[in-house]
Amino acid sequence: MERIGMVLVLLAVAGCGAPDYRPNTRTQPVSRETYGSDWPFTVVSGELDCPQPGAVVFRSGGKVYALNGTAASTGKYRPIEEILATGKAGQSSTFRLADDGLRLCTD
């Protein structure tokens, strides 16, 4: 009888792995107006999302762009360079947006 109890405990513990990732249920609207001179894109607005663990994307005009390396490595999203404004230090500005988007990944 003691063995059966021990087996049940082991089975219960084995089934307690990390929880499955569920995409966040909200996005964050962002725009040139709210980011001011830090806005790195040719589009005026969009939204941040985290559809996969650690993968931050920017949605605008019906297209989805990889905003960080994790999102880019999936091969599912358009390159963010397609909408980076020329003549701007877009790389550092995209880091700020990616950081803001990462907060969605942990909520």
PDB file of N, CA and C in Angstrom:
ATOM      1  N   MET A   1       0.820  -1.185   0.000  1.00  0.00           N
ATOM      2  CA  MET A   1       0.000   0.000   0.000  1.00  0.00           C
ATOM      3  C   MET A   1       0.870   1.258   0.000  1.00  0.00           C
ATOM      4  N   GLU A   2       1.939   1.213   0.770  1.00  0.00           N
ATOM      5  CA  GLU A   2       2.846   2.362   0.839  1.00  0.00           C
ATOM      6  C   GLU A   2       3.471   2.635  -0.521  1.00  0.00           C
ATOM      7  N   ARG A   3       3.788   1.569  -1.278  1.00  0.00           N
ATOM      8  CA  ARG A   3       4.366   1.735  -2.617  1.00  0.00           C
ATOM      9  C   ARG A   3       3.401   2.432  -3.565  1.00  0.00           C
ATOM     10  N   ILE A   4       2.139   2.084  -3.480  1.00  0.00           N
ATOM     11  CA  ILE A   4       1.143   2.702  -4.355  1.00  0.00           C
ATOM     12  C   ILE A   4       1.065   4.208  -4.082  1.00  0.00           C
ATOM     13  N   GLY A   5       1.077   4.575  -2.820  1.00  0.00           N
ATOM     14  CA  GLY A   5       1.063   5.988  -2.466  1.00  0.00           C
ATOM     15  C   GLY A   5       2.281   6.715  -2.988  1.00  0.00           C
ATOM     16  N   MET A   6       3.436   6.063  -2.891  1.00  0.00           N
ATOM     17  CA  MET A   6       4.674   6.681  -3.371  1.00  0.00           C
ATOM     18  C   MET A   6       4.636   6.849  -4.888  1.00  0.00           C
ATOM     19  N   VAL A   7       4.111   5.856  -5.591  1.00  0.00           N
ATOM     20  CA  VAL A   7       3.996   5.929  -7.052  1.00  0.00           C
ATOM     21  C   VAL A   7       3.060   7.073  -7.441  1.00  0.00           C
ATOM     22  N   LEU A   8       1.955   7.216  -6.747  1.00  0.00           N
ATOM     23  CA  LEU A   8       1.016   8.300  -7.042  1.00  0.00           C
ATOM     24  C   LEU A   8       1.655   9.667  -6.819  1.00  0.00           C
ATOM     25  N   VAL A   9       2.442   9.791  -5.756  1.00  0.00           N
ATOM     26  CA  VAL A   9       3.141  11.050  -5.497  1.00  0.00           C
ATOM     27  C   VAL A   9       4.137  11.337  -6.605  1.00  0.00           C
ATOM     28  N   LEU A  10       4.894  10.342  -7.036  1.00  0.00           N
ATOM     29  CA  LEU A  10       5.871  10.534  -8.117  1.00  0.00           C
ATOM     30  C   LEU A  10       5.182  10.928  -9.419  1.00  0.00           C
ATOM     31  N   LEU A  11       4.063  10.310  -9.715  1.00  0.00           N
ATOM     32  CA  LEU A  11       3.333  10.660 -10.936  1.00  0.00           C
ATOM     33  C   LEU A  11       2.799  12.084 -10.871  1.00  0.00           C
ATOM     34  N   ALA A  12       2.330  12.479  -9.725  1.00  0.00           N
ATOM     35  CA  ALA A  12       1.822  13.834  -9.564  1.00  0.00           C
ATOM     36  C   ALA A  12       2.933  14.855  -9.735  1.00  0.00           C
ATOM     37  N   VAL A  13       4.094  14.587  -9.165  1.00  0.00           N
ATOM     38  CA  VAL A  13       5.234  15.502  -9.274  1.00  0.00           C
ATOM     39  C   VAL A  13       5.733  15.549 -10.712  1.00  0.00           C
ATOM     40  N   ALA A  14       5.770  14.418 -11.393  1.00  0.00           N
ATOM     41  CA  ALA A  14       6.246  14.378 -12.775  1.00  0.00           C
ATOM     42  C   ALA A  14       5.346  15.196 -13.689  1.00  0.00           C
ATOM     43  N   GLY A  15       4.083  15.273 -13.385  1.00  0.00           N
ATOM     44  CA  GLY A  15       3.156  16.035 -14.205  1.00  0.00           C
ATOM     45  C   GLY A  15       3.161  17.517 -13.908  1.00  0.00           C
ATOM     46  N   CYS A  16       3.992  17.958 -12.969  1.00  0.00           N
ATOM     47  CA  CYS A  16       4.016  19.373 -12.569  1.00  0.00           C
ATOM     48  C   CYS A  16       5.171  20.113 -13.204  1.00  0.00           C
ATOM     49  N   GLY A  17       5.349  19.999 -14.501  1.00  0.00           N
ATOM     50  CA  GLY A  17       6.401  20.734 -15.180  1.00  0.00           C
ATOM     51  C   GLY A  17       6.020  22.194 -15.299  1.00  0.00           C
ATOM     52  N   ALA A  18       6.781  22.911 -16.091  1.00  0.00           N
ATOM     53  CA  ALA A  18       6.495  24.325 -16.308  1.00  0.00           C
ATOM     54  C   ALA A  18       5.146  24.457 -17.007  1.00  0.00           C
ATOM     55  N   PRO A  19       4.384  25.462 -16.679  1.00  0.00           N
ATOM     56  CA  PRO A  19       3.087  25.632 -17.333  1.00  0.00           C
ATOM     57  C   PRO A  19       3.270  25.954 -18.807  1.00  0.00           C
ATOM     58  N   ASP A  20       2.304  25.548 -19.609  1.00  0.00           N
ATOM     59  CA  ASP A  20       2.353  25.862 -21.030  1.00  0.00           C
ATOM     60  C   ASP A  20       2.265  27.370 -21.210  1.00  0.00           C
ATOM     61  N   TYR A  21       2.981  27.871 -22.202  1.00  0.00           N
ATOM     62  CA  TYR A  21       2.924  29.300 -22.482  1.00  0.00           C
ATOM     63  C   TYR A  21       1.592  29.622 -23.145  1.00  0.00           C
ATOM     64  N   ARG A  22       0.937  30.639 -22.672  1.00  0.00           N
ATOM     65  CA  ARG A  22      -0.282  31.136 -23.300  1.00  0.00           C
ATOM     66  C   ARG A  22      -0.020  32.571 -23.725  1.00  0.00           C
ATOM     67  N   PRO A  23      -0.250  32.891 -25.007  1.00  0.00           N
ATOM     68  CA  PRO A  23      -0.007  34.264 -25.443  1.00  0.00           C
ATOM     69  C   PRO A  23      -0.769  35.259 -24.570  1.00  0.00           C
ATOM     70  N   ASN A  24      -0.174  36.439 -24.432  1.00  0.00           N
ATOM     71  CA  ASN A  24      -0.839  37.452 -23.623  1.00  0.00           C
ATOM     72  C   ASN A  24      -2.185  37.788 -24.244  1.00  0.00           C
ATOM     73  N   THR A  25      -3.058  38.297 -23.457  1.00  0.00           N
ATOM     74  CA  THR A  25      -4.404  38.596 -23.947  1.00  0.00           C
ATOM     75  C   THR A  25      -4.580  40.082 -24.220  1.00  0.00           C
ATOM     76  N   ARG A  26      -3.485  40.808 -24.231  1.00  0.00           N
ATOM     77  CA  ARG A  26      -3.588  42.234 -24.520  1.00  0.00           C
ATOM     78  C   ARG A  26      -2.389  42.674 -25.344  1.00  0.00           C
ATOM     79  N   THR A  27      -2.559  43.778 -26.003  1.00  0.00           N
ATOM     80  CA  THR A  27      -1.472  44.395 -26.755  1.00  0.00           C
ATOM     81  C   THR A  27      -1.302  45.802 -26.209  1.00  0.00           C
ATOM     82  N   GLN A  28      -0.234  46.450 -26.637  1.00  0.00           N
ATOM     83  CA  GLN A  28       0.007  47.825 -26.193  1.00  0.00           C
ATOM     84  C   GLN A  28       0.053  48.735 -27.403  1.00  0.00           C
ATOM     85  N   PRO A  29      -0.901  49.652 -27.533  1.00  0.00           N
ATOM     86  CA  PRO A  29      -0.843  50.616 -28.629  1.00  0.00           C
ATOM     87  C   PRO A  29       0.364  51.536 -28.450  1.00  0.00           C
ATOM     88  N   VAL A  30       1.052  51.835 -29.544  1.00  0.00           N
ATOM     89  CA  VAL A  30       2.193  52.751 -29.522  1.00  0.00           C
ATOM     90  C   VAL A  30       2.091  53.656 -30.751  1.00  0.00           C
ATOM     91  N   SER A  31       2.669  54.850 -30.633  1.00  0.00           N
ATOM     92  CA  SER A  31       2.585  55.778 -31.755  1.00  0.00           C
ATOM     93  C   SER A  31       3.734  56.779 -31.736  1.00  0.00           C
ATOM     94  N   ARG A  32       3.867  57.479 -32.846  1.00  0.00           N
ATOM     95  CA  ARG A  32       4.847  58.561 -32.950  1.00  0.00           C
ATOM     96  C   ARG A  32       4.550  59.633 -31.906  1.00  0.00           C
ATOM     97  N   GLU A  33       3.277  59.858 -31.660  1.00  0.00           N
ATOM     98  CA  GLU A  33       2.860  60.868 -30.685  1.00  0.00           C
ATOM     99  C   GLU A  33       3.360  60.532 -29.277  1.00  0.00           C
ATOM    100  N   THR A  34       3.264  59.275 -28.862  1.00  0.00           N
ATOM    101  CA  THR A  34       3.655  58.914 -27.497  1.00  0.00           C
ATOM    102  C   THR A  34       5.157  58.742 -27.325  1.00  0.00           C
ATOM    103  N   TYR A  35       5.881  58.396 -28.402  1.00  0.00           N
ATOM    104  CA  TYR A  35       7.327  58.189 -28.296  1.00  0.00           C
ATOM    105  C   TYR A  35       8.138  59.397 -28.755  1.00  0.00           C
ATOM    106  N   GLY A  36       7.472  60.352 -29.382  1.00  0.00           N
ATOM    107  CA  GLY A  36       8.153  61.576 -29.800  1.00  0.00           C
ATOM    108  C   GLY A  36       9.331  61.328 -30.723  1.00  0.00           C
ATOM    109  N   SER A  37      10.443  61.995 -30.434  1.00  0.00           N
ATOM    110  CA  SER A  37      11.627  61.889 -31.300  1.00  0.00           C
ATOM    111  C   SER A  37      12.276  60.512 -31.250  1.00  0.00           C
ATOM    112  N   ASP A  38      11.868  59.663 -30.302  1.00  0.00           N
ATOM    113  CA  ASP A  38      12.383  58.294 -30.239  1.00  0.00           C
ATOM    114  C   ASP A  38      11.668  57.350 -31.206  1.00  0.00           C
ATOM    115  N   TRP A  39      10.630  57.825 -31.882  1.00  0.00           N
ATOM    116  CA  TRP A  39       9.858  56.971 -32.788  1.00  0.00           C
ATOM    117  C   TRP A  39      10.721  56.623 -34.009  1.00  0.00           C
ATOM    118  N   PRO A  40      11.028  55.340 -34.207  1.00  0.00           N
ATOM    119  CA  PRO A  40      11.986  54.959 -35.256  1.00  0.00           C
ATOM    120  C   PRO A  40      11.368  54.560 -36.598  1.00  0.00           C
ATOM    121  N   PHE A  41      10.040  54.605 -36.727  1.00  0.00           N
ATOM    122  CA  PHE A  41       9.391  54.009 -37.894  1.00  0.00           C
ATOM    123  C   PHE A  41       8.832  55.029 -38.871  1.00  0.00           C
ATOM    124  N   THR A  42       8.607  54.568 -40.098  1.00  0.00           N
ATOM    125  CA  THR A  42       7.960  55.386 -41.118  1.00  0.00           C
ATOM    126  C   THR A  42       6.445  55.357 -40.962  1.00  0.00           C
ATOM    127  N   VAL A  43       5.914  54.377 -40.274  1.00  0.00           N
ATOM    128  CA  VAL A  43       4.475  54.325 -39.997  1.00  0.00           C
ATOM    129  C   VAL A  43       4.195  55.146 -38.747  1.00  0.00           C
ATOM    130  N   VAL A  44       2.974  55.646 -38.614  1.00  0.00           N
ATOM    131  CA  VAL A  44       2.630  56.561 -37.530  1.00  0.00           C
ATOM    132  C   VAL A  44       2.299  55.842 -36.226  1.00  0.00           C
ATOM    133  N   SER A  45       1.744  54.636 -36.318  1.00  0.00           N
ATOM    134  CA  SER A  45       1.337  53.941 -35.099  1.00  0.00           C
ATOM    135  C   SER A  45       1.238  52.437 -35.340  1.00  0.00           C
ATOM    136  N   GLY A  46       1.023  51.737 -34.246  1.00  0.00           N
ATOM    137  CA  GLY A  46       0.861  50.290 -34.306  1.00  0.00           C
ATOM    138  C   GLY A  46       0.644  49.773 -32.905  1.00  0.00           C
ATOM    139  N   GLU A  47       0.934  48.498 -32.716  1.00  0.00           N
ATOM    140  CA  GLU A  47       0.802  47.928 -31.379  1.00  0.00           C
ATOM    141  C   GLU A  47       1.883  46.891 -31.145  1.00  0.00           C
ATOM    142  N   LEU A  48       2.292  46.793 -29.890  1.00  0.00           N
ATOM    143  CA  LEU A  48       3.261  45.794 -29.474  1.00  0.00           C
ATOM    144  C   LEU A  48       2.502  44.557 -29.041  1.00  0.00           C
ATOM    145  N   ASP A  49       3.127  43.401 -29.269  1.00  0.00           N
ATOM    146  CA  ASP A  49       2.514  42.133 -28.876  1.00  0.00           C
ATOM    147  C   ASP A  49       3.623  41.143 -28.559  1.00  0.00           C
ATOM    148  N   CYS A  50       3.276  40.118 -27.803  1.00  0.00           N
ATOM    149  CA  CYS A  50       4.210  39.041 -27.467  1.00  0.00           C
ATOM    150  C   CYS A  50       3.504  37.712 -27.717  1.00  0.00           C
ATOM    151  N   PRO A  51       3.452  37.272 -28.987  1.00  0.00           N
ATOM    152  CA  PRO A  51       2.699  36.073 -29.320  1.00  0.00           C
ATOM    153  C   PRO A  51       3.368  34.763 -28.922  1.00  0.00           C
ATOM    154  N   GLN A  52       4.654  34.801 -28.622  1.00  0.00           N
ATOM    155  CA  GLN A  52       5.409  33.618 -28.200  1.00  0.00           C
ATOM    156  C   GLN A  52       6.336  34.028 -27.067  1.00  0.00           C
ATOM    157  N   PRO A  53       6.806  33.091 -26.264  1.00  0.00           N
ATOM    158  CA  PRO A  53       7.679  33.466 -25.137  1.00  0.00           C
ATOM    159  C   PRO A  53       8.881  34.301 -25.589  1.00  0.00           C
ATOM    160  N   GLY A  54       8.973  35.510 -25.087  1.00  0.00           N
ATOM    161  CA  GLY A  54      10.114  36.378 -25.362  1.00  0.00           C
ATOM    162  C   GLY A  54      10.147  37.007 -26.736  1.00  0.00           C
ATOM    163  N   ALA A  55       9.175  36.719 -27.592  1.00  0.00           N
ATOM    164  CA  ALA A  55       9.166  37.231 -28.962  1.00  0.00           C
ATOM    165  C   ALA A  55       8.283  38.473 -29.044  1.00  0.00           C
ATOM    166  N   VAL A  56       8.910  39.627 -29.194  1.00  0.00           N
ATOM    167  CA  VAL A  56       8.162  40.884 -29.259  1.00  0.00           C
ATOM    168  C   VAL A  56       7.990  41.269 -30.726  1.00  0.00           C
ATOM    169  N   VAL A  57       6.750  41.578 -31.082  1.00  0.00           N
ATOM    170  CA  VAL A  57       6.450  41.983 -32.450  1.00  0.00           C
ATOM    171  C   VAL A  57       5.748  43.333 -32.442  1.00  0.00           C
ATOM    172  N   PHE A  58       5.816  44.003 -33.590  1.00  0.00           N
ATOM    173  CA  PHE A  58       5.140  45.279 -33.813  1.00  0.00           C
ATOM    174  C   PHE A  58       4.158  45.056 -34.955  1.00  0.00           C
ATOM    175  N   ARG A  59       2.890  45.336 -34.697  1.00  0.00           N
ATOM    176  CA  ARG A  59       1.842  45.171 -35.705  1.00  0.00           C
ATOM    177  C   ARG A  59       1.427  46.548 -36.205  1.00  0.00           C
ATOM    178  N   SER A  60       1.367  46.683 -37.547  1.00  0.00           N
ATOM    179  CA  SER A  60       0.928  47.948 -38.136  1.00  0.00           C
ATOM    180  C   SER A  60       0.486  47.691 -39.570  1.00  0.00           C
ATOM    181  N   GLY A  61      -0.623  48.284 -39.945  1.00  0.00           N
ATOM    182  CA  GLY A  61      -1.092  48.172 -41.323  1.00  0.00           C
ATOM    183  C   GLY A  61      -1.334  46.746 -41.778  1.00  0.00           C
ATOM    184  N   GLY A  62      -1.760  45.896 -40.867  1.00  0.00           N
ATOM    185  CA  GLY A  62      -2.032  44.500 -41.222  1.00  0.00           C
ATOM    186  C   GLY A  62      -0.790  43.630 -41.356  1.00  0.00           C
ATOM    187  N   LYS A  63       0.364  44.171 -41.036  1.00  0.00           N
ATOM    188  CA  LYS A  63       1.616  43.407 -41.118  1.00  0.00           C
ATOM    189  C   LYS A  63       2.206  43.262 -39.727  1.00  0.00           C
ATOM    190  N   VAL A  64       2.985  42.198 -39.535  1.00  0.00           N
ATOM    191  CA  VAL A  64       3.604  41.936 -38.240  1.00  0.00           C
ATOM    192  C   VAL A  64       5.112  41.863 -38.428  1.00  0.00           C
ATOM    193  N   TYR A  65       5.836  42.679 -37.654  1.00  0.00           N
ATOM    194  CA  TYR A  65       7.286  42.802 -37.773  1.00  0.00           C
ATOM    195  C   TYR A  65       7.970  42.275 -36.517  1.00  0.00           C
ATOM    196  N   ALA A  66       9.096  41.599 -36.699  1.00  0.00           N
ATOM    197  CA  ALA A  66       9.899  41.124 -35.563  1.00  0.00           C
ATOM    198  C   ALA A  66      10.619  42.311 -34.946  1.00  0.00           C
ATOM    199  N   LEU A  67      10.387  42.537 -33.660  1.00  0.00           N
ATOM    200  CA  LEU A  67      10.998  43.686 -32.987  1.00  0.00           C
ATOM    201  C   LEU A  67      12.235  43.295 -32.192  1.00  0.00           C
ATOM    202  N   ASN A  68      12.401  42.006 -31.921  1.00  0.00           N
ATOM    203  CA  ASN A  68      13.619  41.580 -31.223  1.00  0.00           C
ATOM    204  C   ASN A  68      14.142  40.294 -31.869  1.00  0.00           C
ATOM    205  N   GLY A  69      15.316  39.876 -31.438  1.00  0.00           N
ATOM    206  CA  GLY A  69      15.965  38.701 -32.020  1.00  0.00           C
ATOM    207  C   GLY A  69      15.164  37.426 -31.848  1.00  0.00           C
ATOM    208  N   THR A  70      14.479  37.294 -30.720  1.00  0.00           N
ATOM    209  CA  THR A  70      13.681  36.089 -30.482  1.00  0.00           C
ATOM    210  C   THR A  70      12.574  35.977 -31.525  1.00  0.00           C
ATOM    211  N   ALA A  71      11.902  37.075 -31.794  1.00  0.00           N
ATOM    212  CA  ALA A  71      10.842  37.070 -32.808  1.00  0.00           C
ATOM    213  C   ALA A  71      11.433  36.829 -34.200  1.00  0.00           C
ATOM    214  N   ALA A  72      12.562  37.461 -34.505  1.00  0.00           N
ATOM    215  CA  ALA A  72      13.196  37.300 -35.816  1.00  0.00           C
ATOM    216  C   ALA A  72      13.636  35.857 -36.045  1.00  0.00           C
ATOM    217  N   SER A  73      14.104  35.202 -34.994  1.00  0.00           N
ATOM    218  CA  SER A  73      14.618  33.839 -35.147  1.00  0.00           C
ATOM    219  C   SER A  73      13.531  32.821 -35.489  1.00  0.00           C
ATOM    220  N   THR A  74      12.259  33.172 -35.293  1.00  0.00           N
ATOM    221  CA  THR A  74      11.180  32.243 -35.631  1.00  0.00           C
ATOM    222  C   THR A  74      10.949  32.172 -37.130  1.00  0.00           C
ATOM    223  N   GLY A  75      11.331  33.232 -37.843  1.00  0.00           N
ATOM    224  CA  GLY A  75      11.100  33.273 -39.284  1.00  0.00           C
ATOM    225  C   GLY A  75       9.645  33.541 -39.662  1.00  0.00           C
ATOM    226  N   LYS A  76       8.812  33.872 -38.688  1.00  0.00           N
ATOM    227  CA  LYS A  76       7.380  34.080 -38.930  1.00  0.00           C
ATOM    228  C   LYS A  76       7.022  35.528 -39.240  1.00  0.00           C
ATOM    229  N   TYR A  77       7.909  36.458 -38.943  1.00  0.00           N
ATOM    230  CA  TYR A  77       7.549  37.868 -38.996  1.00  0.00           C
ATOM    231  C   TYR A  77       8.427  38.637 -39.981  1.00  0.00           C
ATOM    232  N   ARG A  78       7.921  39.735 -40.464  1.00  0.00           N
ATOM    233  CA  ARG A  78       8.654  40.575 -41.410  1.00  0.00           C
ATOM    234  C   ARG A  78       9.818  41.254 -40.687  1.00  0.00           C
ATOM    235  N   PRO A  79      10.896  41.562 -41.412  1.00  0.00           N
ATOM    236  CA  PRO A  79      12.014  42.288 -40.784  1.00  0.00           C
ATOM    237  C   PRO A  79      11.621  43.725 -40.461  1.00  0.00           C
ATOM    238  N   ILE A  80      11.975  44.165 -39.281  1.00  0.00           N
ATOM    239  CA  ILE A  80      11.621  45.507 -38.821  1.00  0.00           C
ATOM    240  C   ILE A  80      12.283  46.584 -39.686  1.00  0.00           C
ATOM    241  N   GLU A  81      13.374  46.233 -40.338  1.00  0.00           N
ATOM    242  CA  GLU A  81      14.094  47.193 -41.191  1.00  0.00           C
ATOM    243  C   GLU A  81      13.204  47.734 -42.317  1.00  0.00           C
ATOM    244  N   GLU A  82      12.157  47.000 -42.671  1.00  0.00           N
ATOM    245  CA  GLU A  82      11.252  47.447 -43.733  1.00  0.00           C
ATOM    246  C   GLU A  82      10.577  48.778 -43.406  1.00  0.00           C
ATOM    247  N   ILE A  83      10.421  49.072 -42.107  1.00  0.00           N
ATOM    248  CA  ILE A  83       9.711  50.298 -41.739  1.00  0.00           C
ATOM    249  C   ILE A  83      10.559  51.257 -40.890  1.00  0.00           C
ATOM    250  N   LEU A  84      11.853  50.985 -40.782  1.00  0.00           N
ATOM    251  CA  LEU A  84      12.714  51.915 -40.039  1.00  0.00           C
ATOM    252  C   LEU A  84      12.898  53.195 -40.849  1.00  0.00           C
ATOM    253  N   ALA A  85      12.759  54.321 -40.204  1.00  0.00           N
ATOM    254  CA  ALA A  85      12.958  55.612 -40.865  1.00  0.00           C
ATOM    255  C   ALA A  85      14.433  55.768 -41.215  1.00  0.00           C
ATOM    256  N   THR A  86      14.713  56.278 -42.382  1.00  0.00           N
ATOM    257  CA  THR A  86      16.102  56.499 -42.783  1.00  0.00           C
ATOM    258  C   THR A  86      16.639  57.730 -42.076  1.00  0.00           C
ATOM    259  N   GLY A  87      17.922  57.715 -41.821  1.00  0.00           N
ATOM    260  CA  GLY A  87      18.559  58.853 -41.183  1.00  0.00           C
ATOM    261  C   GLY A  87      18.321  58.947 -39.687  1.00  0.00           C
ATOM    262  N   LYS A  88      17.718  57.946 -39.086  1.00  0.00           N
ATOM    263  CA  LYS A  88      17.470  57.962 -37.638  1.00  0.00           C
ATOM    264  C   LYS A  88      18.312  56.883 -36.984  1.00  0.00           C
ATOM    265  N   ALA A  89      18.586  57.083 -35.737  1.00  0.00           N
ATOM    266  CA  ALA A  89      19.274  56.035 -34.969  1.00  0.00           C
ATOM    267  C   ALA A  89      18.212  55.043 -34.505  1.00  0.00           C
ATOM    268  N   GLY A  90      17.596  54.372 -35.462  1.00  0.00           N
ATOM    269  CA  GLY A  90      16.471  53.494 -35.187  1.00  0.00           C
ATOM    270  C   GLY A  90      16.783  52.327 -34.283  1.00  0.00           C
ATOM    271  N   GLN A  91      17.999  51.816 -34.364  1.00  0.00           N
ATOM    272  CA  GLN A  91      18.357  50.647 -33.561  1.00  0.00           C
ATOM    273  C   GLN A  91      18.129  50.882 -32.073  1.00  0.00           C
ATOM    274  N   SER A  92      18.631  51.982 -31.540  1.00  0.00           N
ATOM    275  CA  SER A  92      18.460  52.223 -30.103  1.00  0.00           C
ATOM    276  C   SER A  92      17.007  52.504 -29.751  1.00  0.00           C
ATOM    277  N   SER A  93      16.270  53.135 -30.644  1.00  0.00           N
ATOM    278  CA  SER A  93      14.857  53.395 -30.387  1.00  0.00           C
ATOM    279  C   SER A  93      14.044  52.114 -30.409  1.00  0.00           C
ATOM    280  N   THR A  94      14.415  51.170 -31.264  1.00  0.00           N
ATOM    281  CA  THR A  94      13.683  49.898 -31.293  1.00  0.00           C
ATOM    282  C   THR A  94      13.941  49.113 -30.017  1.00  0.00           C
ATOM    283  N   PHE A  95      15.108  49.295 -29.390  1.00  0.00           N
ATOM    284  CA  PHE A  95      15.379  48.620 -28.111  1.00  0.00           C
ATOM    285  C   PHE A  95      14.365  49.071 -27.058  1.00  0.00           C
ATOM    286  N   ARG A  96      14.061  50.358 -27.035  1.00  0.00           N
ATOM    287  CA  ARG A  96      13.085  50.863 -26.063  1.00  0.00           C
ATOM    288  C   ARG A  96      11.712  50.228 -26.301  1.00  0.00           C
ATOM    289  N   LEU A  97      11.300  50.160 -27.555  1.00  0.00           N
ATOM    290  CA  LEU A  97      10.018  49.534 -27.883  1.00  0.00           C
ATOM    291  C   LEU A  97      10.026  48.047 -27.534  1.00  0.00           C
ATOM    292  N   ALA A  98      11.135  47.375 -27.821  1.00  0.00           N
ATOM    293  CA  ALA A  98      11.236  45.946 -27.498  1.00  0.00           C
ATOM    294  C   ALA A  98      11.149  45.729 -25.991  1.00  0.00           C
ATOM    295  N   ASP A  99      11.812  46.583 -25.229  1.00  0.00           N
ATOM    296  CA  ASP A  99      11.729  46.481 -23.760  1.00  0.00           C
ATOM    297  C   ASP A  99      10.285  46.667 -23.282  1.00  0.00           C
ATOM    298  N   ASP A 100       9.604  47.638 -23.859  1.00  0.00           N
ATOM    299  CA  ASP A 100       8.204  47.852 -23.496  1.00  0.00           C
ATOM    300  C   ASP A 100       7.364  46.628 -23.852  1.00  0.00           C
ATOM    301  N   GLY A 101       7.646  46.027 -24.998  1.00  0.00           N
ATOM    302  CA  GLY A 101       6.913  44.841 -25.433  1.00  0.00           C
ATOM    303  C   GLY A 101       7.197  43.622 -24.569  1.00  0.00           C
ATOM    304  N   LEU A 102       8.416  43.516 -24.056  1.00  0.00           N
ATOM    305  CA  LEU A 102       8.761  42.372 -23.184  1.00  0.00           C
ATOM    306  C   LEU A 102       7.895  42.340 -21.938  1.00  0.00           C
ATOM    307  N   ARG A 103       7.456  43.498 -21.494  1.00  0.00           N
ATOM    308  CA  ARG A 103       6.550  43.517 -20.320  1.00  0.00           C
ATOM    309  C   ARG A 103       5.262  42.766 -20.600  1.00  0.00           C
ATOM    310  N   LEU A 104       4.849  42.743 -21.866  1.00  0.00           N
ATOM    311  CA  LEU A 104       3.647  41.986 -22.239  1.00  0.00           C
ATOM    312  C   LEU A 104       3.897  40.487 -22.130  1.00  0.00           C
ATOM    313  N   CYS A 105       5.154  40.077 -22.326  1.00  0.00           N
ATOM    314  CA  CYS A 105       5.487  38.655 -22.291  1.00  0.00           C
ATOM    315  C   CYS A 105       5.400  38.079 -20.889  1.00  0.00           C
ATOM    316  N   THR A 106       5.489  38.932 -19.880  1.00  0.00           N
ATOM    317  CA  THR A 106       5.529  38.439 -18.515  1.00  0.00           C
ATOM    318  C   THR A 106       4.218  38.652 -17.767  1.00  0.00           C
ATOM    319  N   ASP A 107       3.251  39.289 -18.401  1.00  0.00           N
ATOM    320  CA  ASP A 107       1.961  39.531 -17.745  1.00  0.00           C
ATOM    321  C   ASP A 107       1.030  38.350 -17.929  1.00  0.00           C
TER     322      ASP A 107
END
